[in-house]
Amino acid sequence: MHVTGTTTIVGIIGNPIVQVKSPGVMNRYFADHRLNTVLIPMEIAPDAIPGFIATVRRWTNCKGIIVTVPYKQIVAPLLDRLTPRAARFSTVNVFRRDPDGTLEGEMFDGVGFVAAAAIHGVNPARKRAAVVGAGGVACAIANSLCESEVSHLSIQDLDRAKQNTLIATLRGTFPAIEITAGIAGTADLDILVNATPVGMNGDPRLPLPDSVLAGLTGRCFVAEVVTAPTMTPLLTLAKQRGCTIQTGLEMTETQLLSLAGFMGVAAS
């Protein structure tokens, strides 16, 4: 890629940032479509986020920023506008910079998850699902599962306050769906999603206790949000049990065109 003084910049922020796959995928897209645009990874310290957002407001050749862990819920209240989907949980995974310097955030993780699942032939409608986590990506996936009309959704997070807030919001929005706290077992699940960083970058842990995962069978579709490694301990276990699996990279790839379009850097 030939970067010049006329190159348009988009970025991805997180901490850590080494695991992200978006730069490779999106920069290939820019090159294939002969777009003078580059996506750069940026590892930003937590105390620097407000200053970074202020810098983006004045960064005139920057069109937008993708947001990954742990900043999806931290960045949202610092922006000028949120789309209705992002505002529901005050969480974003991308924001764009308009010409006047105002910033608008959106959330595509849930959309990407459901689109990737569809490629595997999985339709969440009338299924029993469980999500581990209650952070930004978990909120988005849980919301999209409810929009897809699952029959039952279980949510579990170590932070009980975040878990209960997510459950209360979903119950208020989707009263017809049974939404419960905690994942007591996996034998009756159709869909299991790890929406936490557990298993990332060599972490050998599983997101649920062995006693809970003992009931996991091949009838369950098991998905990750972690992108590195591609095969996390959970996905390795699920594959051994005969489950259909979905990697975090698959979820990332299905939403990249939406991210690029929102930032205004997609091919016309």
Protein backbone atom coordinates (compact mmCIF):
# COMPACT_ATOMS: atom_id res chain seq x y z
CA MET A 1 0.00 0.00 0.00
CA HIS A 2 1.39 3.39 -1.05
CA VAL A 3 0.61 5.93 1.68
CA THR A 4 1.00 9.59 0.76
CA GLY A 5 0.05 12.99 2.10
CA THR A 6 -3.33 12.64 0.40
CA THR A 7 -4.19 9.28 2.01
CA THR A 8 -7.40 9.15 4.03
CA ILE A 9 -6.93 7.68 7.52
CA VAL A 10 -9.22 5.41 9.50
CA GLY A 11 -8.12 3.68 12.68
CA ILE A 12 -8.91 0.97 15.17
CA ILE A 13 -8.32 1.53 18.88
CA GLY A 14 -8.06 -0.96 21.70
CA ASN A 15 -5.86 -2.17 24.54
CA PRO A 16 -4.33 -4.58 23.73
CA ILE A 17 -4.40 -4.19 19.96
CA VAL A 18 -2.10 -7.02 18.81
CA GLN A 19 -4.99 -9.46 18.32
CA VAL A 20 -7.04 -7.41 15.85
CA LYS A 21 -7.45 -8.72 12.31
CA SER A 22 -9.33 -5.76 10.84
CA PRO A 23 -6.25 -3.91 9.49
CA GLY A 24 -5.20 -6.81 7.28
CA VAL A 25 -8.70 -7.49 5.97
CA MET A 26 -9.74 -3.88 5.46
CA ASN A 27 -6.46 -2.73 3.94
CA ARG A 28 -6.71 -5.55 1.39
CA TYR A 29 -10.19 -4.27 0.59
CA PHE A 30 -8.85 -0.73 0.09
CA ALA A 31 -6.02 -2.00 -2.12
CA ASP A 32 -8.29 -4.26 -4.18
CA HIS A 33 -10.62 -1.31 -4.86
CA ARG A 34 -7.75 1.13 -5.49
CA LEU A 35 -8.85 3.39 -2.63
CA ASN A 36 -6.31 5.86 -1.23
CA THR A 37 -7.27 4.92 2.34
CA VAL A 38 -5.45 3.07 5.14
CA LEU A 39 -6.60 1.54 8.42
CA ILE A 40 -4.03 1.79 11.23
CA PRO A 41 -4.10 -0.02 14.59
CA MET A 42 -3.65 2.18 17.68
CA GLU A 43 -3.09 0.91 21.22
CA ILE A 44 -4.38 3.75 23.41
CA ALA A 45 -3.91 3.90 27.18
CA PRO A 46 -7.19 4.16 29.14
CA ASP A 47 -6.40 7.60 30.56
CA ALA A 48 -5.68 8.90 27.05
CA ILE A 49 -9.09 8.12 25.55
CA PRO A 50 -10.70 11.57 26.18
CA GLY A 51 -7.68 13.30 24.68
CA PHE A 52 -7.69 10.93 21.71
CA ILE A 53 -11.36 11.68 21.01
CA ALA A 54 -10.59 15.40 21.14
CA THR A 55 -7.75 14.86 18.65
CA VAL A 56 -10.00 12.99 16.20
CA ARG A 57 -12.40 15.96 16.19
CA ARG A 58 -9.56 18.05 14.71
CA TRP A 59 -7.96 15.31 12.59
CA THR A 60 -9.19 16.52 9.23
CA ASN A 61 -7.96 13.61 7.09
CA CYS A 62 -9.39 11.02 9.50
CA LYS A 63 -12.80 9.67 8.50
CA GLY A 64 -13.49 7.47 11.50
CA ILE A 65 -12.36 5.00 14.14
CA ILE A 66 -13.26 1.36 14.80
CA VAL A 67 -13.47 0.60 18.53
CA THR A 68 -12.54 -2.71 20.14
CA VAL A 69 -12.03 -3.99 23.69
CA PRO A 70 -12.15 -2.50 26.25
CA TYR A 71 -13.41 0.84 24.92
CA LYS A 72 -16.82 0.21 23.32
CA GLN A 73 -18.77 1.50 26.32
CA ILE A 74 -16.12 4.04 27.36
CA VAL A 75 -16.08 5.87 24.03
CA ALA A 76 -19.86 6.05 23.50
CA PRO A 77 -20.67 8.86 25.99
CA LEU A 78 -17.80 10.97 24.62
CA LEU A 79 -19.39 11.22 21.16
CA ASP A 80 -21.87 13.83 19.90
CA ARG A 81 -24.48 11.43 18.53
CA LEU A 82 -25.34 7.74 18.69
CA THR A 83 -27.59 5.82 16.33
CA PRO A 84 -30.66 4.27 18.00
CA ARG A 85 -28.96 0.84 18.00
CA ALA A 86 -25.83 2.21 19.69
CA ALA A 87 -27.83 4.37 22.11
CA ARG A 88 -29.82 1.41 23.48
CA PHE A 89 -26.78 0.20 25.43
CA SER A 90 -24.52 3.26 25.07
CA THR A 91 -21.94 1.16 23.25
CA VAL A 92 -20.19 1.57 19.89
CA ASN A 93 -17.75 -0.34 17.75
CA VAL A 94 -17.24 2.47 15.23
CA PHE A 95 -17.61 6.22 15.01
CA ARG A 96 -17.24 8.58 12.10
CA ARG A 97 -15.98 12.12 11.91
CA ASP A 98 -18.21 14.48 9.96
CA PRO A 99 -16.60 17.43 8.12
CA ASP A 100 -17.51 19.82 10.93
CA GLY A 101 -15.71 17.65 13.49
CA THR A 102 -18.78 16.12 15.10
CA LEU A 103 -18.62 12.42 15.92
CA GLU A 104 -21.40 9.84 15.52
CA GLY A 105 -21.23 6.27 16.86
CA GLU A 106 -22.81 3.03 15.66
CA MET A 107 -22.72 -0.63 16.71
CA PHE A 108 -22.40 -3.42 14.13
CA ASP A 109 -21.14 -6.36 16.23
CA GLY A 110 -24.58 -7.91 16.61
CA VAL A 111 -25.36 -7.43 12.93
CA GLY A 112 -22.05 -9.07 12.03
CA PHE A 113 -22.68 -11.98 14.39
CA VAL A 114 -26.10 -12.81 12.95
CA ALA A 115 -24.84 -12.42 9.37
CA ALA A 116 -21.93 -14.79 10.03
CA ALA A 117 -24.26 -17.30 11.70
CA ALA A 118 -26.50 -17.24 8.64
CA ILE A 119 -23.54 -18.32 6.50
CA HIS A 120 -23.40 -21.43 8.71
CA GLY A 121 -27.12 -21.96 8.14
CA VAL A 122 -28.03 -20.88 11.68
CA ASN A 123 -31.24 -18.91 12.21
CA PRO A 124 -31.64 -17.82 15.87
CA ALA A 125 -35.45 -17.68 15.66
CA ARG A 126 -37.12 -19.86 18.34
CA LYS A 127 -33.73 -21.09 19.57
CA ARG A 128 -32.41 -21.29 23.14
CA ALA A 129 -29.29 -19.12 23.37
CA ALA A 130 -26.73 -18.11 25.98
CA VAL A 131 -24.22 -15.27 25.99
CA VAL A 132 -21.20 -15.13 28.29
CA GLY A 133 -20.45 -11.47 28.99
CA ALA A 134 -22.29 -8.18 29.44
CA GLY A 135 -19.83 -5.72 27.93
CA GLY A 136 -20.19 -3.82 24.68
CA VAL A 137 -19.95 -6.71 22.22
CA ALA A 138 -22.12 -8.92 24.45
CA CYS A 139 -24.83 -6.24 24.55
CA ALA A 140 -24.82 -6.01 20.77
CA ILE A 141 -24.98 -9.76 20.21
CA ALA A 142 -27.66 -10.26 22.85
CA ASN A 143 -29.72 -7.49 21.29
CA SER A 144 -29.42 -8.98 17.80
CA LEU A 145 -30.34 -12.44 19.08
CA CYS A 146 -33.48 -10.93 20.59
CA GLU A 147 -34.21 -9.04 17.37
CA SER A 148 -33.90 -12.41 15.63
CA GLU A 149 -36.60 -13.75 18.00
CA VAL A 150 -34.80 -16.36 20.08
CA SER A 151 -37.21 -18.11 22.45
CA HIS A 152 -34.92 -17.96 25.49
CA LEU A 153 -31.71 -16.08 26.30
CA SER A 154 -29.40 -16.63 29.27
CA ILE A 155 -26.74 -14.05 30.14
CA GLN A 156 -23.86 -14.46 32.55
CA ASP A 157 -21.13 -12.03 33.56
CA LEU A 158 -18.78 -11.83 36.54
CA ASP A 159 -19.91 -8.23 36.95
CA ARG A 160 -23.41 -8.83 38.27
CA ALA A 161 -24.38 -5.16 38.00
CA LYS A 162 -23.58 -5.09 34.28
CA GLN A 163 -25.29 -8.45 33.80
CA ASN A 164 -28.48 -7.34 35.51
CA THR A 165 -28.54 -3.99 33.69
CA LEU A 166 -28.30 -5.76 30.33
CA ILE A 167 -31.03 -8.21 31.28
CA ALA A 168 -33.34 -5.42 32.47
CA THR A 169 -32.85 -3.45 29.26
CA LEU A 170 -33.54 -6.49 27.08
CA ARG A 171 -36.61 -7.48 29.07
CA GLY A 172 -38.00 -3.98 28.68
CA THR A 173 -37.41 -4.03 24.93
CA PHE A 174 -38.32 -7.65 24.19
CA PRO A 175 -41.03 -8.64 26.71
CA ALA A 176 -42.06 -11.74 24.75
CA ILE A 177 -38.62 -13.37 25.16
CA GLU A 178 -37.67 -15.28 28.31
CA ILE A 179 -34.39 -13.74 29.49
CA THR A 180 -32.65 -15.20 32.54
CA ALA A 181 -29.51 -14.59 34.59
CA GLY A 182 -26.77 -17.19 34.68
CA ILE A 183 -25.90 -20.24 32.58
CA ALA A 184 -26.57 -23.33 34.67
CA GLY A 185 -25.99 -25.86 31.90
CA THR A 186 -25.42 -26.29 28.17
CA ALA A 187 -27.26 -29.52 27.35
CA ASP A 188 -30.40 -27.74 26.14
CA LEU A 189 -28.67 -24.87 24.30
CA ASP A 190 -28.91 -24.26 20.57
CA ILE A 191 -26.51 -21.29 20.57
CA LEU A 192 -23.62 -20.46 22.92
CA VAL A 193 -21.57 -17.29 22.50
CA ASN A 194 -18.43 -16.29 24.36
CA ALA A 195 -18.48 -12.48 24.24
CA THR A 196 -15.60 -11.97 26.68
CA PRO A 197 -11.81 -11.78 26.20
CA VAL A 198 -11.37 -15.17 27.91
CA GLY A 199 -9.25 -17.35 25.61
CA MET A 200 -7.51 -14.42 23.89
CA ASN A 201 -3.77 -14.29 23.13
CA GLY A 202 -2.86 -17.63 24.67
CA ASP A 203 -5.21 -17.47 27.65
CA PRO A 204 -5.89 -21.19 28.35
CA ARG A 205 -9.13 -20.62 30.27
CA LEU A 206 -12.66 -21.53 29.24
CA PRO A 207 -15.42 -18.92 29.71
CA LEU A 208 -17.61 -21.36 31.70
CA PRO A 209 -16.79 -24.00 34.32
CA ASP A 210 -16.15 -27.58 33.22
CA SER A 211 -19.28 -28.65 35.08
CA VAL A 212 -21.41 -26.34 32.92
CA LEU A 213 -19.69 -27.27 29.66
CA ALA A 214 -19.98 -31.00 30.42
CA GLY A 215 -23.43 -31.03 28.81
CA LEU A 216 -22.30 -29.41 25.55
CA THR A 217 -23.30 -31.56 22.57
CA GLY A 218 -23.13 -31.34 18.80
CA ARG A 219 -26.61 -29.80 18.60
CA CYS A 220 -25.20 -26.48 19.87
CA PHE A 221 -23.78 -23.74 17.62
CA VAL A 222 -20.76 -22.27 19.46
CA ALA A 223 -19.35 -18.85 18.59
CA GLU A 224 -16.50 -16.61 19.71
CA VAL A 225 -15.77 -12.90 19.51
CA VAL A 226 -12.03 -13.45 20.16
CA THR A 227 -10.04 -13.14 16.94
CA ALA A 228 -6.61 -14.32 18.12
CA PRO A 229 -6.11 -17.18 18.29
CA THR A 230 -8.59 -18.28 15.67
CA MET A 231 -9.26 -21.50 17.58
CA THR A 232 -9.76 -20.58 21.22
CA PRO A 233 -9.98 -23.22 23.98
CA LEU A 234 -13.79 -22.98 23.78
CA LEU A 235 -13.91 -23.52 20.02
CA THR A 236 -11.44 -26.40 20.29
CA LEU A 237 -13.64 -28.08 22.89
CA ALA A 238 -16.79 -27.41 20.86
CA LYS A 239 -15.27 -28.91 17.73
CA GLN A 240 -14.32 -32.02 19.69
CA ARG A 241 -17.95 -32.31 20.79
CA GLY A 242 -19.15 -32.13 17.18
CA CYS A 243 -20.53 -28.58 17.35
CA THR A 244 -20.75 -26.20 14.43
CA ILE A 245 -18.41 -23.34 15.35
CA GLN A 246 -17.97 -19.70 14.38
CA THR A 247 -14.71 -17.84 14.89
CA GLY A 248 -14.39 -14.24 16.00
CA LEU A 249 -12.75 -13.45 12.67
CA GLU A 250 -15.90 -14.56 10.82
CA MET A 251 -17.98 -12.06 12.80
CA THR A 252 -15.39 -9.36 12.09
CA GLU A 253 -15.27 -10.02 8.36
CA THR A 254 -19.04 -9.97 7.84
CA GLN A 255 -19.33 -6.45 9.25
CA LEU A 256 -16.28 -4.80 7.68
CA LEU A 257 -18.20 -3.47 4.68
CA SER A 258 -20.79 -1.97 7.06
CA LEU A 259 -18.00 -0.36 9.09
CA ALA A 260 -16.37 1.06 5.97
CA GLY A 261 -19.70 2.35 4.67
CA PHE A 262 -20.53 4.05 7.96
CA MET A 263 -17.16 5.83 7.97
CA GLY A 264 -17.61 6.82 4.33
CA VAL A 265 -14.63 4.88 2.98
CA ALA A 266 -16.38 2.03 1.13
CA ALA A 267 -16.03 1.66 -2.61
CA SER A 268 -18.88 3.29 -4.52
